[in-house]
Amino acid sequence: ATWCDISRACASQWREVPDDEKAKYRRLAKEASQQHVADEESCEIMITIPAIGARTRLIVKKDKTIDSIVADARKIMGFDMDFLESAAWKAYRKGEEQGGTPLSGASTMEQNDLMRLWSPEGTELHLVYDP
């Protein structure tokens, strides 16, 4: 069987699931994606520099500071050059970079309520260079 055959079979099975059951699965998936993982020690987050589209994922512990997350992400994405001042990099929750308040560099993932299970609605931080 090819992947096309498998995907067609899955799609045909999904079409047979009653609409109320589909709604239930979607609701459960959404609830699971929004669960906090405060009892967990680490979680996966997405870091994006929206101005250029650079992205990376990090596994971070709940006591990791925003400053150290920014430093790690900059290094991974190749933006750790000396002439780019560390203090000029600001981290925002996704969607809050325009007019929002940057996260405090000394604060932790847990203090910012950012410990979430990974999902499309999981934790994403946007980095903005503002010298």
Protein backbone atom coordinates (compact mmCIF):
# COMPACT_ATOMS: atom_id res chain seq x y z
CA ALA A 1 0.00 0.00 0.00
CA THR A 2 1.21 3.50 -0.79
CA TRP A 3 0.89 6.55 1.46
CA CYS A 4 -1.87 7.79 -0.82
CA ASP A 5 -3.84 4.57 -0.25
CA ILE A 6 -3.37 4.86 3.50
CA SER A 7 -4.41 8.53 3.58
CA ARG A 8 -7.49 7.79 1.45
CA ALA A 9 -8.48 4.97 3.82
CA CYS A 10 -8.07 7.25 6.85
CA ALA A 11 -10.08 10.02 5.20
CA SER A 12 -12.87 7.63 4.31
CA GLN A 13 -12.99 6.33 7.90
CA TRP A 14 -13.06 9.90 9.27
CA ARG A 15 -16.02 10.77 7.00
CA GLU A 16 -17.99 7.96 8.64
CA VAL A 17 -17.50 9.36 12.16
CA PRO A 18 -20.67 11.22 13.25
CA ASP A 19 -20.36 15.02 13.44
CA ASP A 20 -20.98 15.12 17.19
CA GLU A 21 -18.09 12.68 17.70
CA LYS A 22 -15.82 14.79 15.47
CA ALA A 23 -16.71 17.85 17.54
CA LYS A 24 -15.89 15.93 20.71
CA TYR A 25 -12.45 14.90 19.37
CA ARG A 26 -11.70 18.44 18.24
CA ARG A 27 -12.73 19.87 21.64
CA LEU A 28 -10.60 17.32 23.50
CA ALA A 29 -7.61 18.03 21.25
CA LYS A 30 -7.98 21.78 21.82
CA GLU A 31 -8.27 21.34 25.60
CA ALA A 32 -5.21 19.11 25.67
CA SER A 33 -3.20 21.62 23.68
CA GLN A 34 -4.02 24.37 26.17
CA GLN A 35 -3.11 22.41 29.27
CA HIS A 36 -0.39 23.80 31.42
CA VAL A 37 2.43 21.51 32.34
CA ALA A 38 3.38 23.23 35.58
CA ASP A 39 4.08 19.86 37.16
CA GLU A 40 6.52 19.04 34.38
CA GLU A 41 10.13 20.12 34.51
CA SER A 42 10.48 21.04 30.83
CA CYS A 43 8.55 21.76 27.65
CA GLU A 44 9.18 22.48 23.98
CA ILE A 45 8.79 26.04 22.71
CA MET A 46 9.09 27.76 19.34
CA ILE A 47 11.24 30.87 18.98
CA THR A 48 10.73 33.12 15.93
CA ILE A 49 12.41 36.29 14.68
CA PRO A 50 9.43 37.59 12.68
CA ALA A 51 11.39 40.28 10.83
CA ILE A 52 13.31 37.63 8.89
CA GLY A 53 11.31 34.44 9.43
CA ALA A 54 14.03 32.57 11.31
CA ARG A 55 12.65 29.90 13.65
CA THR A 56 13.91 27.28 16.03
CA ARG A 57 12.56 25.00 18.72
CA LEU A 58 14.00 24.64 22.18
CA ILE A 59 13.40 22.29 25.08
CA VAL A 60 13.46 24.50 28.16
CA LYS A 61 13.15 23.89 31.87
CA LYS A 62 10.59 25.76 33.93
CA ASP A 63 13.30 27.69 35.80
CA LYS A 64 15.07 28.88 32.62
CA THR A 65 15.14 32.67 32.31
CA ILE A 66 13.96 34.59 29.28
CA ASP A 67 17.47 36.07 28.90
CA SER A 68 19.03 32.60 28.66
CA ILE A 69 16.35 31.45 26.20
CA VAL A 70 17.07 34.51 24.01
CA ALA A 71 20.82 33.82 24.19
CA ASP A 72 20.37 30.14 23.25
CA ALA A 73 18.00 30.95 20.38
CA ARG A 74 20.31 33.67 19.02
CA LYS A 75 23.24 31.26 19.04
CA ILE A 76 21.27 28.47 17.31
CA MET A 77 19.97 30.87 14.63
CA GLY A 78 23.36 32.56 14.11
CA PHE A 79 22.49 35.96 15.59
CA ASP A 80 25.01 35.93 18.41
CA MET A 81 27.48 38.33 16.77
CA ASP A 82 29.23 40.79 19.12
CA PHE A 83 27.94 43.89 17.32
CA LEU A 84 24.32 42.84 18.06
CA GLU A 85 23.90 43.99 21.65
CA SER A 86 22.35 41.35 23.89
CA ALA A 87 20.31 43.95 25.81
CA ALA A 88 18.63 45.11 22.57
CA TRP A 89 16.91 41.74 22.01
CA LYS A 90 13.37 41.67 23.41
CA ALA A 91 11.18 38.58 23.80
CA TYR A 92 7.41 38.79 23.41
CA ARG A 93 4.59 36.31 23.48
CA LYS A 94 3.52 35.61 19.90
CA GLY A 95 1.24 38.41 18.70
CA GLU A 96 2.26 40.90 21.40
CA GLU A 97 5.35 42.36 19.73
CA GLN A 98 3.42 45.30 18.26
CA GLY A 99 2.61 47.57 21.20
CA GLY A 100 2.95 44.88 23.84
CA THR A 101 5.35 44.72 26.76
CA PRO A 102 8.44 42.55 26.40
CA LEU A 103 8.92 39.72 28.88
CA SER A 104 11.35 40.51 31.68
CA GLY A 105 14.72 38.94 30.95
CA ALA A 106 15.22 37.86 34.55
CA SER A 107 11.84 36.11 34.75
CA THR A 108 11.42 32.38 34.20
CA MET A 109 9.22 30.26 31.98
CA GLU A 110 7.10 29.30 34.99
CA GLN A 111 6.77 32.88 36.26
CA ASN A 112 5.47 33.94 32.82
CA ASP A 113 2.99 31.05 32.70
CA LEU A 114 4.63 29.71 29.53
CA MET A 115 4.87 26.03 30.47
CA ARG A 116 2.49 24.34 28.00
CA LEU A 117 2.30 21.08 26.14
CA TRP A 118 3.58 21.49 22.59
CA SER A 119 0.83 22.01 20.03
CA PRO A 120 -0.06 24.61 17.40
CA GLU A 121 -1.39 26.71 20.32
CA GLY A 122 1.71 25.97 22.43
CA THR A 123 4.30 28.46 23.58
CA GLU A 124 5.86 30.64 20.89
CA LEU A 125 8.09 33.59 21.64
CA HIS A 126 8.97 36.29 19.13
CA LEU A 127 12.35 37.99 19.31
CA VAL A 128 12.70 41.59 18.22
CA TYR A 129 16.00 43.44 17.90
CA ASP A 130 15.41 47.01 19.09
CA PRO A 131 18.69 48.89 19.66
